[in-house]
Amino acid sequence: MARIKRKTTTEMIWPYFLKLLQERPMYGYELRQETQKRFGWKPPTVTSYLVLYSLEKGGYVTVSWKEQRGKPARKYYKITKKGEDLLQEAIDYFKETYTKLAA
C-alpha cells in the first residue's frame, strides 16, 4: 500500500498542482504548502520545481514574475487551457479506474 500511495502522490505531483492552480496563480513554495494543507502530503522540493518546469515547457502553465516590496520577485504559475484539459483527462482517468476497481 505504501508503494501505491507514493506512486499517486510524490511520483505524480502534476495533477495536484494543476488542481490548485485552477483556483489562482501560485508560486512554487506556496504550491508545496497548499498541497500539504489540502491533500495531506508535502511534495519534495527539487521534484516540485522539476515538475513545474516541465508543465511550463509543455504549455500547461504560464509563468509571470511579481515584484514584492523589499523582497526578491516571485515566479507565479498559472494554469492554461491546455493544462485545464490535461487535468480533466487525469480526473476522468481516475474516476474510470475507481469505478472499475469498486465494481
N, C-alpha and C. Protein backbone atom coordinates (compact mmCIF):
# COMPACT_ATOMS: atom_id res chain seq x y z
N MET A 1 0.82 -1.20 0.00
CA MET A 1 0.00 0.00 0.00
C MET A 1 0.86 1.26 0.00
N ALA A 2 2.00 1.21 0.68
CA ALA A 2 2.90 2.38 0.71
C ALA A 2 3.37 2.73 -0.70
N ARG A 3 3.61 1.71 -1.51
CA ARG A 3 4.08 1.95 -2.87
C ARG A 3 3.02 2.66 -3.72
N ILE A 4 1.78 2.22 -3.63
CA ILE A 4 0.73 2.86 -4.43
C ILE A 4 0.50 4.30 -3.96
N LYS A 5 0.61 4.54 -2.66
CA LYS A 5 0.48 5.91 -2.16
C LYS A 5 1.60 6.79 -2.70
N ARG A 6 2.83 6.28 -2.71
CA ARG A 6 3.97 7.04 -3.23
C ARG A 6 3.79 7.31 -4.73
N LYS A 7 3.35 6.29 -5.45
CA LYS A 7 3.17 6.44 -6.90
C LYS A 7 2.11 7.47 -7.25
N THR A 8 1.06 7.59 -6.44
CA THR A 8 -0.03 8.51 -6.75
C THR A 8 0.10 9.86 -6.04
N THR A 9 1.23 10.08 -5.39
CA THR A 9 1.46 11.39 -4.76
C THR A 9 2.83 11.91 -5.19
N THR A 10 3.85 11.53 -4.50
CA THR A 10 5.20 12.04 -4.75
C THR A 10 5.66 11.85 -6.18
N GLU A 11 5.33 10.73 -6.79
CA GLU A 11 5.78 10.46 -8.15
C GLU A 11 4.83 11.01 -9.22
N MET A 12 3.75 11.62 -8.78
CA MET A 12 2.77 12.14 -9.73
C MET A 12 2.18 13.44 -9.19
N ILE A 13 3.00 14.44 -9.10
CA ILE A 13 2.62 15.70 -8.48
C ILE A 13 1.73 16.57 -9.38
N TRP A 14 1.92 16.48 -10.67
CA TRP A 14 1.32 17.45 -11.58
C TRP A 14 -0.20 17.60 -11.46
N PRO A 15 -1.00 16.52 -11.28
CA PRO A 15 -2.45 16.77 -11.17
C PRO A 15 -2.80 17.61 -9.94
N TYR A 16 -2.08 17.39 -8.85
CA TYR A 16 -2.33 18.17 -7.63
C TYR A 16 -2.02 19.64 -7.85
N PHE A 17 -0.89 19.91 -8.51
CA PHE A 17 -0.52 21.30 -8.79
C PHE A 17 -1.52 21.96 -9.73
N LEU A 18 -1.91 21.26 -10.78
CA LEU A 18 -2.87 21.85 -11.72
C LEU A 18 -4.22 22.10 -11.03
N LYS A 19 -4.64 21.20 -10.16
CA LYS A 19 -5.90 21.39 -9.43
C LYS A 19 -5.84 22.65 -8.58
N LEU A 20 -4.73 22.85 -7.88
CA LEU A 20 -4.58 24.05 -7.06
C LEU A 20 -4.52 25.31 -7.91
N LEU A 21 -3.87 25.22 -9.07
CA LEU A 21 -3.73 26.39 -9.94
C LEU A 21 -5.05 26.77 -10.62
N GLN A 22 -6.04 25.89 -10.57
CA GLN A 22 -7.36 26.25 -11.09
C GLN A 22 -7.97 27.36 -10.23
N GLU A 23 -7.62 27.38 -8.96
CA GLU A 23 -8.18 28.36 -8.04
C GLU A 23 -7.54 29.74 -8.20
N ARG A 24 -6.20 29.75 -8.36
CA ARG A 24 -5.50 31.03 -8.50
C ARG A 24 -4.04 30.76 -8.83
N PRO A 25 -3.34 31.73 -9.41
CA PRO A 25 -1.90 31.57 -9.63
C PRO A 25 -1.17 31.46 -8.28
N MET A 26 -0.12 30.66 -8.26
CA MET A 26 0.67 30.47 -7.05
C MET A 26 2.15 30.34 -7.41
N TYR A 27 3.00 30.60 -6.42
CA TYR A 27 4.44 30.39 -6.61
C TYR A 27 4.79 29.01 -6.06
N GLY A 28 5.97 28.51 -6.40
CA GLY A 28 6.36 27.14 -6.10
C GLY A 28 6.23 26.74 -4.64
N TYR A 29 6.79 27.51 -3.74
CA TYR A 29 6.72 27.17 -2.32
C TYR A 29 5.28 27.13 -1.84
N GLU A 30 4.49 28.07 -2.33
CA GLU A 30 3.08 28.13 -1.96
C GLU A 30 2.34 26.87 -2.44
N LEU A 31 2.66 26.40 -3.64
CA LEU A 31 2.05 25.17 -4.15
C LEU A 31 2.37 23.98 -3.26
N ARG A 32 3.61 23.90 -2.81
CA ARG A 32 4.01 22.81 -1.91
C ARG A 32 3.23 22.88 -0.60
N GLN A 33 3.12 24.08 -0.05
CA GLN A 33 2.40 24.26 1.22
C GLN A 33 0.91 23.93 1.06
N GLU A 34 0.31 24.40 -0.02
CA GLU A 34 -1.11 24.13 -0.26
C GLU A 34 -1.37 22.64 -0.52
N THR A 35 -0.44 21.97 -1.18
CA THR A 35 -0.58 20.53 -1.40
C THR A 35 -0.62 19.81 -0.05
N GLN A 36 0.25 20.20 0.84
CA GLN A 36 0.27 19.59 2.17
C GLN A 36 -1.04 19.88 2.92
N LYS A 37 -1.47 21.12 2.85
CA LYS A 37 -2.68 21.54 3.56
C LYS A 37 -3.94 20.85 3.01
N ARG A 38 -4.07 20.83 1.69
CA ARG A 38 -5.29 20.32 1.06
C ARG A 38 -5.31 18.80 0.85
N PHE A 39 -4.13 18.23 0.54
CA PHE A 39 -4.09 16.81 0.17
C PHE A 39 -3.37 15.93 1.19
N GLY A 40 -2.75 16.55 2.19
CA GLY A 40 -2.17 15.78 3.28
C GLY A 40 -0.77 15.22 3.09
N TRP A 41 -0.04 15.74 2.11
CA TRP A 41 1.35 15.32 1.91
C TRP A 41 2.12 16.47 1.27
N LYS A 42 3.42 16.53 1.55
CA LYS A 42 4.24 17.64 1.06
C LYS A 42 5.19 17.14 -0.03
N PRO A 43 5.09 17.69 -1.22
CA PRO A 43 5.97 17.27 -2.32
C PRO A 43 7.43 17.63 -2.04
N PRO A 44 8.35 16.80 -2.50
CA PRO A 44 9.78 17.12 -2.36
C PRO A 44 10.11 18.41 -3.14
N THR A 45 11.01 19.20 -2.60
CA THR A 45 11.35 20.50 -3.18
C THR A 45 11.84 20.40 -4.61
N VAL A 46 12.92 19.67 -4.82
CA VAL A 46 13.52 19.60 -6.16
C VAL A 46 12.54 19.03 -7.16
N THR A 47 11.86 17.96 -6.80
CA THR A 47 10.88 17.34 -7.69
C THR A 47 9.79 18.33 -8.07
N SER A 48 9.34 19.12 -7.10
CA SER A 48 8.29 20.10 -7.37
C SER A 48 8.70 21.08 -8.46
N TYR A 49 9.91 21.59 -8.37
CA TYR A 49 10.35 22.57 -9.36
C TYR A 49 10.63 21.93 -10.71
N LEU A 50 11.07 20.68 -10.71
CA LEU A 50 11.24 19.98 -11.99
C LEU A 50 9.89 19.77 -12.67
N VAL A 51 8.88 19.44 -11.89
CA VAL A 51 7.53 19.24 -12.43
C VAL A 51 6.98 20.57 -12.95
N LEU A 52 7.16 21.63 -12.20
CA LEU A 52 6.68 22.95 -12.64
C LEU A 52 7.37 23.38 -13.94
N TYR A 53 8.67 23.12 -14.04
CA TYR A 53 9.40 23.45 -15.27
C TYR A 53 8.84 22.64 -16.44
N SER A 54 8.57 21.37 -16.20
CA SER A 54 8.03 20.50 -17.23
C SER A 54 6.63 20.96 -17.66
N LEU A 55 5.81 21.35 -16.69
CA LEU A 55 4.47 21.86 -17.02
C LEU A 55 4.56 23.14 -17.85
N GLU A 56 5.51 24.00 -17.50
CA GLU A 56 5.70 25.23 -18.26
C GLU A 56 6.17 24.92 -19.67
N LYS A 57 7.15 24.05 -19.77
CA LYS A 57 7.70 23.69 -21.09
C LYS A 57 6.63 23.06 -21.99
N GLY A 58 5.72 22.29 -21.38
CA GLY A 58 4.65 21.64 -22.15
C GLY A 58 3.47 22.55 -22.47
N GLY A 59 3.49 23.77 -21.94
CA GLY A 59 2.40 24.70 -22.22
C GLY A 59 1.19 24.52 -21.32
N TYR A 60 1.34 23.79 -20.21
CA TYR A 60 0.23 23.55 -19.30
C TYR A 60 0.09 24.65 -18.26
N VAL A 61 1.16 25.39 -18.05
CA VAL A 61 1.13 26.56 -17.16
C VAL A 61 1.94 27.68 -17.82
N THR A 62 1.62 28.90 -17.43
CA THR A 62 2.42 30.05 -17.84
C THR A 62 3.07 30.62 -16.58
N VAL A 63 4.08 31.43 -16.79
CA VAL A 63 4.84 31.99 -15.68
C VAL A 63 4.84 33.51 -15.77
N SER A 64 4.73 34.15 -14.61
CA SER A 64 4.90 35.59 -14.54
C SER A 64 5.66 35.91 -13.25
N TRP A 65 6.46 36.94 -13.32
CA TRP A 65 7.23 37.38 -12.16
C TRP A 65 6.50 38.54 -11.50
N LYS A 66 6.39 38.49 -10.18
CA LYS A 66 5.74 39.58 -9.46
C LYS A 66 6.71 40.14 -8.44
N GLU A 67 6.89 41.44 -8.51
CA GLU A 67 7.76 42.14 -7.56
C GLU A 67 7.08 42.21 -6.20
N GLN A 68 7.91 42.23 -5.16
CA GLN A 68 7.42 42.39 -3.79
C GLN A 68 8.24 43.48 -3.13
N ARG A 69 7.62 44.19 -2.24
CA ARG A 69 8.33 45.26 -1.54
C ARG A 69 9.48 44.71 -0.70
N GLY A 70 10.68 45.12 -1.02
CA GLY A 70 11.84 44.76 -0.22
C GLY A 70 12.26 43.30 -0.29
N LYS A 71 11.66 42.52 -1.18
CA LYS A 71 11.98 41.10 -1.30
C LYS A 71 12.21 40.78 -2.77
N PRO A 72 12.87 39.66 -3.04
CA PRO A 72 13.06 39.25 -4.44
C PRO A 72 11.71 38.96 -5.12
N ALA A 73 11.67 39.13 -6.41
CA ALA A 73 10.46 38.83 -7.17
C ALA A 73 10.14 37.34 -7.07
N ARG A 74 8.86 37.00 -7.15
CA ARG A 74 8.43 35.61 -7.11
C ARG A 74 7.90 35.18 -8.48
N LYS A 75 8.15 33.93 -8.79
CA LYS A 75 7.71 33.34 -10.05
C LYS A 75 6.35 32.67 -9.80
N TYR A 76 5.30 33.22 -10.38
CA TYR A 76 3.95 32.69 -10.22
C TYR A 76 3.57 31.83 -11.42
N TYR A 77 2.89 30.74 -11.13
CA TYR A 77 2.43 29.81 -12.16
C TYR A 77 0.92 29.94 -12.30
N LYS A 78 0.46 29.88 -13.56
CA LYS A 78 -0.97 29.99 -13.85
C LYS A 78 -1.32 28.89 -14.85
N ILE A 79 -2.41 28.19 -14.59
CA ILE A 79 -2.83 27.10 -15.47
C ILE A 79 -3.34 27.68 -16.80
N THR A 80 -3.07 26.97 -17.89
CA THR A 80 -3.56 27.37 -19.22
C THR A 80 -4.75 26.49 -19.59
N LYS A 81 -5.36 26.78 -20.71
CA LYS A 81 -6.46 25.96 -21.23
C LYS A 81 -5.97 24.54 -21.46
N LYS A 82 -4.77 24.42 -22.01
CA LYS A 82 -4.17 23.11 -22.24
C LYS A 82 -3.99 22.37 -20.91
N GLY A 83 -3.59 23.09 -19.87
CA GLY A 83 -3.45 22.50 -18.55
C GLY A 83 -4.79 22.06 -17.97
N GLU A 84 -5.82 22.87 -18.19
CA GLU A 84 -7.18 22.52 -17.74
C GLU A 84 -7.63 21.22 -18.41
N ASP A 85 -7.36 21.12 -19.70
CA ASP A 85 -7.75 19.92 -20.45
C ASP A 85 -7.00 18.69 -19.93
N LEU A 86 -5.72 18.84 -19.67
CA LEU A 86 -4.92 17.73 -19.15
C LEU A 86 -5.43 17.30 -17.77
N LEU A 87 -5.72 18.25 -16.92
CA LEU A 87 -6.24 17.93 -15.59
C LEU A 87 -7.56 17.18 -15.71
N GLN A 88 -8.44 17.61 -16.60
CA GLN A 88 -9.72 16.93 -16.77
C GLN A 88 -9.52 15.50 -17.26
N GLU A 89 -8.56 15.29 -18.15
CA GLU A 89 -8.25 13.94 -18.60
C GLU A 89 -7.80 13.06 -17.43
N ALA A 90 -6.95 13.62 -16.57
CA ALA A 90 -6.47 12.88 -15.40
C ALA A 90 -7.63 12.53 -14.46
N ILE A 91 -8.50 13.51 -14.21
CA ILE A 91 -9.65 13.28 -13.33
C ILE A 91 -10.55 12.19 -13.92
N ASP A 92 -10.81 12.26 -15.22
CA ASP A 92 -11.65 11.25 -15.87
C ASP A 92 -11.00 9.87 -15.77
N TYR A 93 -9.70 9.80 -15.95
CA TYR A 93 -8.98 8.53 -15.85
C TYR A 93 -9.12 7.95 -14.44
N PHE A 94 -8.91 8.78 -13.43
CA PHE A 94 -9.01 8.28 -12.05
C PHE A 94 -10.43 7.87 -11.69
N LYS A 95 -11.41 8.61 -12.19
CA LYS A 95 -12.81 8.23 -11.93
C LYS A 95 -13.12 6.88 -12.58
N GLU A 96 -12.67 6.70 -13.81
CA GLU A 96 -12.91 5.45 -14.54
C GLU A 96 -12.20 4.29 -13.82
N THR A 97 -10.97 4.51 -13.40
CA THR A 97 -10.23 3.48 -12.69
C THR A 97 -10.92 3.11 -11.38
N TYR A 98 -11.36 4.13 -10.64
CA TYR A 98 -12.06 3.88 -9.39
C TYR A 98 -13.34 3.07 -9.63
N THR A 99 -14.09 3.45 -10.65
CA THR A 99 -15.33 2.75 -10.96
C THR A 99 -15.06 1.28 -11.26
N LYS A 100 -14.03 1.02 -12.03
CA LYS A 100 -13.68 -0.37 -12.37
C LYS A 100 -13.24 -1.14 -11.13
N LEU A 101 -12.46 -0.53 -10.28
CA LEU A 101 -11.97 -1.22 -9.08
C LEU A 101 -13.08 -1.42 -8.04
N ALA A 102 -14.00 -0.48 -7.96
CA ALA A 102 -15.06 -0.56 -6.97
C ALA A 102 -16.20 -1.50 -7.38
N ALA A 103 -16.26 -1.84 -8.65
CA ALA A 103 -17.37 -2.68 -9.15
C ALA A 103 -17.27 -4.12 -8.65
